[in-house]
Protein backbone atom coordinates (compact mmCIF):
# COMPACT_ATOMS: atom_id res chain seq x y z
CA MET A 1 6.64 112.33 -54.13
CA MET A 2 3.80 110.29 -55.67
CA ARG A 3 5.24 107.05 -54.13
CA PHE A 4 5.14 108.62 -50.66
CA VAL A 5 1.47 109.65 -51.06
CA LYS A 6 0.49 106.20 -52.26
CA ARG A 7 1.88 104.72 -49.00
CA LEU A 8 -0.02 107.01 -46.84
CA LEU A 9 -3.24 106.82 -48.56
CA PRO A 10 -4.47 103.20 -48.97
CA ARG A 11 -6.67 102.33 -51.90
CA LEU A 12 -10.38 102.70 -51.21
CA GLY A 13 -12.44 99.49 -50.81
CA GLU A 14 -9.65 97.43 -49.13
CA ALA A 15 -9.84 98.57 -45.63
CA GLY A 16 -12.63 96.25 -44.50
CA SER A 17 -12.18 93.26 -46.75
CA VAL A 18 -10.28 91.24 -44.11
CA ALA A 19 -12.97 91.97 -41.54
CA VAL A 20 -15.76 90.91 -43.96
CA GLU A 21 -13.92 87.69 -44.96
CA TYR A 22 -13.34 86.84 -41.27
CA ALA A 23 -16.98 87.45 -40.43
CA LEU A 24 -18.14 85.19 -43.36
CA CYS A 25 -15.75 82.29 -42.52
CA LEU A 26 -15.89 82.30 -38.75
CA PRO A 27 -19.36 80.50 -38.38
CA PHE A 28 -18.16 77.76 -40.73
CA LEU A 29 -14.89 77.36 -38.90
CA LEU A 30 -16.67 77.21 -35.52
CA ALA A 31 -19.15 74.65 -36.79
CA ILE A 32 -16.39 72.40 -38.01
CA ILE A 33 -14.54 72.72 -34.74
CA TYR A 34 -17.75 72.00 -32.81
CA GLY A 35 -18.49 68.98 -34.99
CA VAL A 36 -15.08 67.44 -34.42
CA VAL A 37 -15.42 67.93 -30.63
CA GLU A 38 -18.85 66.42 -30.57
CA VAL A 39 -17.99 63.41 -32.65
CA SER A 40 -14.98 62.81 -30.53
CA HIS A 41 -17.00 63.05 -27.38
CA TYR A 42 -19.32 60.39 -28.83
CA ALA A 43 -16.43 58.12 -29.86
CA TYR A 44 -14.86 58.53 -26.41
CA LEU A 45 -18.08 57.47 -24.69
CA ARG A 46 -18.69 54.67 -27.01
CA THR A 47 -15.18 53.13 -26.50
CA THR A 48 -15.46 53.69 -22.77
CA MET A 49 -18.66 51.98 -22.40
CA SER A 50 -17.39 48.92 -24.40
CA ASN A 51 -14.26 48.77 -22.25
CA VAL A 52 -16.34 48.95 -18.89
CA ALA A 53 -18.58 46.20 -20.19
CA HIS A 54 -15.47 44.04 -21.16
CA ASP A 55 -13.95 44.65 -17.74
CA ALA A 56 -17.19 43.66 -15.98
CA VAL A 57 -17.49 40.48 -18.04
CA ARG A 58 -13.92 39.64 -17.23
CA TYR A 59 -14.55 40.22 -13.50
CA ALA A 60 -17.68 37.89 -13.79
CA SER A 61 -15.71 35.17 -15.47
CA ILE A 62 -12.87 35.35 -12.94
CA HIS A 63 -15.29 35.17 -10.04
CA SER A 64 -17.34 32.15 -11.14
CA SER A 65 -19.04 29.73 -8.84
CA LEU A 66 -15.68 27.75 -8.41
CA ALA A 67 -13.86 30.90 -7.20
CA THR A 68 -13.25 31.58 -3.47
CA THR A 69 -15.40 34.52 -3.65
CA PRO A 70 -18.00 33.85 -6.38
CA ALA A 71 -19.66 37.01 -7.83
CA THR A 72 -23.39 37.48 -8.17
CA ALA A 73 -25.10 39.61 -10.86
CA SER A 74 -25.28 42.51 -8.37
CA ASP A 75 -21.49 42.26 -7.51
CA VAL A 76 -20.77 42.51 -11.19
CA LYS A 77 -23.15 45.48 -11.53
CA THR A 78 -21.39 47.14 -8.57
CA PHE A 79 -18.07 46.50 -10.27
CA ALA A 80 -19.25 48.20 -13.41
CA ASN A 81 -20.69 51.12 -11.53
CA ASN A 82 -17.55 51.63 -9.52
CA GLU A 83 -15.59 51.84 -12.77
CA LEU A 84 -18.01 54.22 -14.38
CA SER A 85 -17.89 56.40 -11.29
CA SER A 86 -14.08 56.34 -11.19
CA LEU A 87 -14.18 57.64 -14.80
CA GLY A 88 -16.42 60.55 -13.95
CA LEU A 89 -19.42 59.06 -15.74
CA ASN A 90 -22.93 58.35 -14.48
CA PRO A 91 -23.45 54.88 -12.74
CA ASP A 92 -26.44 52.78 -13.03
CA GLY A 93 -29.68 54.52 -12.03
CA THR A 94 -28.43 58.15 -12.56
CA ALA A 95 -29.32 60.26 -15.71
CA GLY A 96 -30.71 57.36 -17.62
CA THR A 97 -27.74 54.94 -17.30
CA THR A 98 -28.63 51.24 -17.04
CA VAL A 99 -26.29 48.41 -16.45
CA THR A 100 -27.68 44.82 -16.96
CA VAL A 101 -25.83 41.67 -16.06
CA THR A 102 -27.23 38.32 -17.23
CA TYR A 103 -25.90 34.88 -16.39
CA THR A 104 -27.27 32.10 -18.58
CA PRO A 105 -28.31 30.15 -16.62
CA ASP A 106 -25.98 30.75 -13.65
CA ASN A 107 -22.38 31.62 -12.91
CA SER A 108 -20.95 28.05 -13.37
CA PRO A 109 -18.05 27.48 -15.73
CA GLY A 110 -19.06 26.87 -19.28
CA ASN A 111 -22.07 29.33 -19.01
CA PRO A 112 -22.07 32.67 -20.75
CA VAL A 113 -22.37 36.03 -18.97
CA LYS A 114 -23.43 39.18 -20.59
CA VAL A 115 -22.99 42.79 -19.42
CA ALA A 116 -24.97 45.52 -21.20
CA ILE A 117 -24.58 49.19 -20.49
CA ASN A 118 -27.04 51.60 -21.94
CA TYR A 119 -25.58 55.15 -21.49
CA PRO A 120 -27.45 58.27 -22.69
CA PHE A 121 -25.35 60.54 -25.00
CA VAL A 122 -25.95 64.23 -24.16
CA PRO A 123 -24.20 66.58 -26.67
CA PHE A 124 -22.29 69.52 -25.30
CA MET A 125 -24.65 72.01 -27.18
CA THR A 126 -28.10 70.60 -26.92
CA GLY A 127 -29.74 72.96 -29.48
CA PHE A 128 -27.46 71.97 -32.26
CA SER A 129 -30.04 69.75 -33.91
CA LYS A 130 -32.44 72.76 -34.16
CA ILE A 131 -29.99 74.85 -36.35
CA PRO A 132 -31.28 75.04 -39.92
CA GLY A 133 -29.41 73.03 -42.34
CA THR A 134 -27.95 70.47 -39.95
CA SER A 135 -28.04 66.86 -41.14
CA THR A 136 -30.28 64.21 -39.67
CA GLY A 137 -27.24 62.02 -39.16
CA PHE A 138 -26.03 64.20 -36.44
CA ASN A 139 -29.48 63.77 -34.72
CA ALA A 140 -28.86 60.09 -34.48
CA LEU A 141 -26.03 60.85 -31.99
CA ASN A 142 -28.79 61.73 -29.51
CA ALA A 143 -29.69 58.01 -29.13
CA PRO A 144 -28.28 56.18 -26.15
CA ILE A 145 -25.01 54.46 -26.49
CA VAL A 146 -25.49 50.61 -25.95
CA ALA A 147 -22.29 48.60 -25.23
CA SER A 148 -22.36 44.98 -24.35
CA ALA A 149 -19.88 42.20 -23.87
CA GLN A 150 -20.32 38.48 -23.53
CA LEU A 151 -17.92 35.75 -22.43
CA THR A 152 -18.21 32.08 -21.62
CA ILE A 153 -17.05 31.26 -17.98
CA MET A 154 -14.10 28.89 -18.16
CA PRO A 155 -12.95 26.71 -15.27
């Protein structure tokens, strides 16, 4: 009979322990998940800007002054903006994005061309840096992402 009574009446003090442990662990778990998502977002944008700059430099080198349709700096800028727009990102002139194309001195073969993209990183949760105890290293992610590529135009 005593065993049957023990099963019906749980021991006092254990009824809410799981809820308390869950309540204590949940904020840390959510912070870790959010941190992984934010750093992944930053890495994705950084890699994407680097790839767009590389593609724009390649476009400029293929369309040098000897090509049938030579590209100007504005053509290369338009190419980069189209690629950014196709990826769902802000093109030049919107939300702080800047695309700069520099031919040194012109688009003749043997001269370098440089494409620089300055893209602002906006975290998903903008107030994250104001939470007490967050590191200053995470605040550095608020700086713009700067990607550039340079290539020498070959004949």
